[in-house]
Amino acid sequence: MMSIGYIALIGLLLCIATYTASFGVWTWKRKNRFGAFMIFLVAVTVVALPVYILLFREA
């Protein structure tokens, strides 16, 4: 069962990923496609890795 702390942490991670993804969009509009792709990859990793660790650490 997820506690309030886990939900708050996931919310914080989503805020960070949203900010990072907005920088990726800005980079994409400046025609730097590879840089934007790598920034989106970082944004996904920022959310996916901690959530994976939170969900499967106790298993």
C-alpha atoms as a PDB file:
ATOM      1  CA  MET A   1       0.000   0.000   0.000  1.00  0.00           C
ATOM      2  CA  MET A   2       1.293   3.443  -0.895  1.00  0.00           C
ATOM      3  CA  SER A   3       1.651   6.037   1.823  1.00  0.00           C
ATOM      4  CA  ILE A   4       1.182   9.773   1.542  1.00  0.00           C
ATOM      5  CA  GLY A   5       4.970  10.162   1.405  1.00  0.00           C
ATOM      6  CA  TYR A   6       5.192   7.987  -1.706  1.00  0.00           C
ATOM      7  CA  ILE A   7       2.413   9.937  -3.392  1.00  0.00           C
ATOM      8  CA  ALA A   8       4.092  13.253  -2.516  1.00  0.00           C
ATOM      9  CA  LEU A   9       7.415  11.974  -3.854  1.00  0.00           C
ATOM     10  CA  ILE A  10       5.830  10.853  -7.119  1.00  0.00           C
ATOM     11  CA  GLY A  11       4.128  14.253  -7.421  1.00  0.00           C
ATOM     12  CA  LEU A  12       7.453  16.016  -6.913  1.00  0.00           C
ATOM     13  CA  LEU A  13       9.105  13.783  -9.504  1.00  0.00           C
ATOM     14  CA  LEU A  14       6.334  14.566 -11.991  1.00  0.00           C
ATOM     15  CA  CYS A  15       6.870  18.302 -11.435  1.00  0.00           C
ATOM     16  CA  ILE A  16      10.589  17.909 -12.099  1.00  0.00           C
ATOM     17  CA  ALA A  17       9.910  15.808 -15.202  1.00  0.00           C
ATOM     18  CA  THR A  18       7.410  18.374 -16.509  1.00  0.00           C
ATOM     19  CA  TYR A  19       9.957  21.167 -16.121  1.00  0.00           C
ATOM     20  CA  THR A  20      12.614  19.053 -17.836  1.00  0.00           C
ATOM     21  CA  ALA A  21      10.247  18.100 -20.665  1.00  0.00           C
ATOM     22  CA  SER A  22       9.384  21.763 -21.253  1.00  0.00           C
ATOM     23  CA  PHE A  23      13.096  22.415 -21.750  1.00  0.00           C
ATOM     24  CA  GLY A  24      13.079  19.505 -24.205  1.00  0.00           C
ATOM     25  CA  VAL A  25      10.269  21.158 -26.166  1.00  0.00           C
ATOM     26  CA  TRP A  26      12.218  24.425 -26.224  1.00  0.00           C
ATOM     27  CA  THR A  27      15.283  22.555 -27.493  1.00  0.00           C
ATOM     28  CA  TRP A  28      13.185  20.753 -30.138  1.00  0.00           C
ATOM     29  CA  LYS A  29      11.871  24.092 -31.435  1.00  0.00           C
ATOM     30  CA  ARG A  30      15.466  25.302 -31.784  1.00  0.00           C
ATOM     31  CA  LYS A  31      16.048  22.381 -34.219  1.00  0.00           C
ATOM     32  CA  ASN A  32      18.281  20.444 -31.831  1.00  0.00           C
ATOM     33  CA  ARG A  33      16.488  17.108 -32.248  1.00  0.00           C
ATOM     34  CA  PHE A  34      19.130  14.888 -30.661  1.00  0.00           C
ATOM     35  CA  GLY A  35      19.448  17.152 -27.631  1.00  0.00           C
ATOM     36  CA  ALA A  36      15.677  17.225 -27.198  1.00  0.00           C
ATOM     37  CA  PHE A  37      15.476  13.439 -27.443  1.00  0.00           C
ATOM     38  CA  MET A  38      18.125  13.035 -24.755  1.00  0.00           C
ATOM     39  CA  ILE A  39      16.363  15.551 -22.499  1.00  0.00           C
ATOM     40  CA  PHE A  40      13.090  13.619 -22.879  1.00  0.00           C
ATOM     41  CA  LEU A  41      14.983  10.444 -22.021  1.00  0.00           C
ATOM     42  CA  VAL A  42      16.270  12.087 -18.834  1.00  0.00           C
ATOM     43  CA  ALA A  43      12.732  13.254 -17.961  1.00  0.00           C
ATOM     44  CA  VAL A  44      11.359   9.721 -18.316  1.00  0.00           C
ATOM     45  CA  THR A  45      14.224   8.272 -16.285  1.00  0.00           C
ATOM     46  CA  VAL A  46      13.719  10.846 -13.514  1.00  0.00           C
ATOM     47  CA  VAL A  47      10.215   9.461 -12.985  1.00  0.00           C
ATOM     48  CA  ALA A  48      10.560   5.797 -13.938  1.00  0.00           C
ATOM     49  CA  LEU A  49      13.616   4.781 -11.926  1.00  0.00           C
ATOM     50  CA  PRO A  50      12.528   6.114  -8.503  1.00  0.00           C
ATOM     51  CA  VAL A  51       8.984   4.797  -8.978  1.00  0.00           C
ATOM     52  CA  TYR A  52      10.378   1.379  -9.899  1.00  0.00           C
ATOM     53  CA  ILE A  53      12.589   1.406  -6.810  1.00  0.00           C
ATOM     54  CA  LEU A  54       9.703   2.485  -4.561  1.00  0.00           C
ATOM     55  CA  LEU A  55       7.365  -0.192  -5.853  1.00  0.00           C
ATOM     56  CA  PHE A  56       9.761  -3.141  -5.976  1.00  0.00           C
ATOM     57  CA  ARG A  57      12.173  -2.379  -3.132  1.00  0.00           C
ATOM     58  CA  GLU A  58       9.942  -4.011  -0.519  1.00  0.00           C
ATOM     59  CA  ALA A  59       9.081  -7.066  -2.611  1.00  0.00           C
END
